[in-house]
Amino acid sequence: MDLSALNKIAEREFLPKKRATDMEKDHQYMVTALKEVKTRFGTKIVAELDDSFQVFLPEKISSAILKDEAFFNSLCNSANKLCLFLKYLGGSSFKFDSSTQ
């Protein structure tokens, strides 16, 4: 990694946030990170997609992931290996896909 790339990362504290409805329908995004975030509405999961923006996952998905810590850690490991993908299907529907390439 060169210094200009490192400086670009250092300048940006957080990736911009998008609403799920602002995502392109039926487009497959690479999940580059998953984070557990405390909000005034409770704990939620934020997904970093394509290293370009963040999106809060819907309540039903966040709560399902948070119920099983081992599963959450497994998803985080897949995201760190760049082999977890998320497709927005419209509304509050998503489809996860794992690639072992």
C-alpha atoms as a PDB file:
ATOM      1  CA  MET A   1       0.000   0.000   0.000  1.00  0.00           C
ATOM      2  CA  ASP A   2       1.394   3.388  -0.912  1.00  0.00           C
ATOM      3  CA  LEU A   3       1.208   6.470   1.304  1.00  0.00           C
ATOM      4  CA  SER A   4      -1.484   8.181  -0.762  1.00  0.00           C
ATOM      5  CA  ALA A   5      -3.828   5.223  -0.231  1.00  0.00           C
ATOM      6  CA  LEU A   6      -3.056   5.235   3.488  1.00  0.00           C
ATOM      7  CA  ASN A   7      -3.663   8.990   3.715  1.00  0.00           C
ATOM      8  CA  LYS A   8      -6.991   8.586   1.925  1.00  0.00           C
ATOM      9  CA  ILE A   9      -8.064   6.056   4.552  1.00  0.00           C
ATOM     10  CA  ALA A  10      -6.832   8.270   7.387  1.00  0.00           C
ATOM     11  CA  GLU A  11      -8.759  11.314   6.122  1.00  0.00           C
ATOM     12  CA  ARG A  12     -12.073   9.463   6.161  1.00  0.00           C
ATOM     13  CA  GLU A  13     -13.210   8.636   9.685  1.00  0.00           C
ATOM     14  CA  PHE A  14     -16.346   6.743   8.652  1.00  0.00           C
ATOM     15  CA  LEU A  15     -17.749   5.509   5.380  1.00  0.00           C
ATOM     16  CA  PRO A  16     -20.913   7.316   4.262  1.00  0.00           C
ATOM     17  CA  LYS A  17     -24.204   5.694   5.255  1.00  0.00           C
ATOM     18  CA  LYS A  18     -26.927   4.697   2.817  1.00  0.00           C
ATOM     19  CA  ARG A  19     -30.474   3.591   3.408  1.00  0.00           C
ATOM     20  CA  ALA A  20     -31.311   0.129   2.167  1.00  0.00           C
ATOM     21  CA  THR A  21     -33.828   1.697  -0.215  1.00  0.00           C
ATOM     22  CA  ASP A  22     -31.007   3.738  -1.805  1.00  0.00           C
ATOM     23  CA  MET A  23     -29.181   0.556  -2.786  1.00  0.00           C
ATOM     24  CA  GLU A  24     -29.367  -0.823  -6.305  1.00  0.00           C
ATOM     25  CA  LYS A  25     -31.947  -3.609  -6.468  1.00  0.00           C
ATOM     26  CA  ASP A  26     -30.638  -7.094  -7.372  1.00  0.00           C
ATOM     27  CA  HIS A  27     -27.031  -5.863  -7.265  1.00  0.00           C
ATOM     28  CA  GLN A  28     -24.544  -8.050  -5.403  1.00  0.00           C
ATOM     29  CA  TYR A  29     -22.364  -6.078  -2.972  1.00  0.00           C
ATOM     30  CA  MET A  30     -19.239  -7.429  -1.311  1.00  0.00           C
ATOM     31  CA  VAL A  31     -19.451  -7.222   2.482  1.00  0.00           C
ATOM     32  CA  THR A  32     -16.073  -5.885   3.606  1.00  0.00           C
ATOM     33  CA  ALA A  33     -16.941  -5.674   7.330  1.00  0.00           C
ATOM     34  CA  LEU A  34     -19.746  -6.260   9.806  1.00  0.00           C
ATOM     35  CA  LYS A  35     -19.980  -4.212  12.993  1.00  0.00           C
ATOM     36  CA  GLU A  36     -22.125  -4.365  16.092  1.00  0.00           C
ATOM     37  CA  VAL A  37     -23.351  -0.823  16.848  1.00  0.00           C
ATOM     38  CA  LYS A  38     -25.202   0.465  19.911  1.00  0.00           C
ATOM     39  CA  THR A  39     -28.018   2.852  18.932  1.00  0.00           C
ATOM     40  CA  ARG A  40     -30.839   4.472  20.866  1.00  0.00           C
ATOM     41  CA  PHE A  41     -33.073   1.765  19.385  1.00  0.00           C
ATOM     42  CA  GLY A  42     -30.846  -1.059  20.621  1.00  0.00           C
ATOM     43  CA  THR A  43     -27.935  -2.977  19.164  1.00  0.00           C
ATOM     44  CA  LYS A  44     -27.856  -3.173  15.364  1.00  0.00           C
ATOM     45  CA  ILE A  45     -25.562  -4.645  12.723  1.00  0.00           C
ATOM     46  CA  VAL A  46     -23.918  -2.316  10.223  1.00  0.00           C
ATOM     47  CA  ALA A  47     -22.480  -3.777   7.026  1.00  0.00           C
ATOM     48  CA  GLU A  48     -19.687  -2.058   5.114  1.00  0.00           C
ATOM     49  CA  LEU A  49     -20.280  -2.767   1.442  1.00  0.00           C
ATOM     50  CA  ASP A  50     -17.684  -2.629  -1.333  1.00  0.00           C
ATOM     51  CA  ASP A  51     -15.488  -0.535   1.025  1.00  0.00           C
ATOM     52  CA  SER A  52     -17.526   2.449  -0.146  1.00  0.00           C
ATOM     53  CA  PHE A  53     -20.559   2.829   2.144  1.00  0.00           C
ATOM     54  CA  GLN A  54     -22.324   1.456   5.218  1.00  0.00           C
ATOM     55  CA  VAL A  55     -25.883   0.252   5.647  1.00  0.00           C
ATOM     56  CA  PHE A  56     -27.809  -0.678   8.783  1.00  0.00           C
ATOM     57  CA  LEU A  57     -29.260  -4.151   8.357  1.00  0.00           C
ATOM     58  CA  PRO A  58     -32.995  -4.479   9.097  1.00  0.00           C
ATOM     59  CA  GLU A  59     -34.061  -5.324  12.654  1.00  0.00           C
ATOM     60  CA  LYS A  60     -35.083  -8.896  11.793  1.00  0.00           C
ATOM     61  CA  ILE A  61     -31.641  -9.641  10.317  1.00  0.00           C
ATOM     62  CA  SER A  62     -29.693  -7.848  13.063  1.00  0.00           C
ATOM     63  CA  SER A  63     -31.532  -9.647  15.863  1.00  0.00           C
ATOM     64  CA  ALA A  64     -31.151 -13.048  14.170  1.00  0.00           C
ATOM     65  CA  ILE A  65     -27.393 -12.537  13.767  1.00  0.00           C
ATOM     66  CA  LEU A  66     -26.924 -11.203  17.301  1.00  0.00           C
ATOM     67  CA  LYS A  67     -28.687 -14.203  18.878  1.00  0.00           C
ATOM     68  CA  ASP A  68     -25.762 -16.446  17.917  1.00  0.00           C
ATOM     69  CA  GLU A  69     -22.317 -15.008  18.675  1.00  0.00           C
ATOM     70  CA  ALA A  70     -20.506 -17.860  16.910  1.00  0.00           C
ATOM     71  CA  PHE A  71     -22.548 -17.214  13.756  1.00  0.00           C
ATOM     72  CA  PHE A  72     -21.809 -13.473  13.945  1.00  0.00           C
ATOM     73  CA  ASN A  73     -18.077 -14.211  14.290  1.00  0.00           C
ATOM     74  CA  SER A  74     -18.277 -16.616  11.345  1.00  0.00           C
ATOM     75  CA  LEU A  75     -19.922 -13.927   9.191  1.00  0.00           C
ATOM     76  CA  CYS A  76     -17.267 -11.394  10.264  1.00  0.00           C
ATOM     77  CA  ASN A  77     -14.498 -13.823   9.301  1.00  0.00           C
ATOM     78  CA  SER A  78     -16.107 -14.394   5.892  1.00  0.00           C
ATOM     79  CA  ALA A  79     -16.363 -10.623   5.386  1.00  0.00           C
ATOM     80  CA  ASN A  80     -12.702 -10.165   6.365  1.00  0.00           C
ATOM     81  CA  LYS A  81     -11.741 -12.802   3.783  1.00  0.00           C
ATOM     82  CA  LEU A  82     -13.843 -10.895   1.197  1.00  0.00           C
ATOM     83  CA  CYS A  83     -16.046 -13.898   0.503  1.00  0.00           C
ATOM     84  CA  LEU A  84     -19.390 -12.667   1.872  1.00  0.00           C
ATOM     85  CA  PHE A  85     -21.856 -10.977  -0.459  1.00  0.00           C
ATOM     86  CA  LEU A  86     -25.173  -9.222   0.059  1.00  0.00           C
ATOM     87  CA  LYS A  87     -27.868  -8.694  -2.553  1.00  0.00           C
ATOM     88  CA  TYR A  88     -30.624  -6.124  -1.978  1.00  0.00           C
ATOM     89  CA  LEU A  89     -33.969  -7.544  -3.107  1.00  0.00           C
ATOM     90  CA  GLY A  90     -36.149  -4.513  -2.385  1.00  0.00           C
ATOM     91  CA  GLY A  91     -38.024  -3.287   0.677  1.00  0.00           C
ATOM     92  CA  SER A  92     -36.303  -4.764   3.718  1.00  0.00           C
ATOM     93  CA  SER A  93     -35.289  -7.993   1.963  1.00  0.00           C
ATOM     94  CA  PHE A  94     -31.692  -9.085   1.486  1.00  0.00           C
ATOM     95  CA  LYS A  95     -29.980 -12.261   0.380  1.00  0.00           C
ATOM     96  CA  PHE A  96     -26.586 -13.278   1.753  1.00  0.00           C
ATOM     97  CA  ASP A  97     -24.208 -15.412  -0.287  1.00  0.00           C
ATOM     98  CA  SER A  98     -20.868 -16.886   0.650  1.00  0.00           C
ATOM     99  CA  SER A  99     -18.140 -17.534  -1.887  1.00  0.00           C
ATOM    100  CA  THR A 100     -15.141 -19.715  -1.091  1.00  0.00           C
ATOM    101  CA  GLN A 101     -13.068 -18.625  -4.082  1.00  0.00           C
END
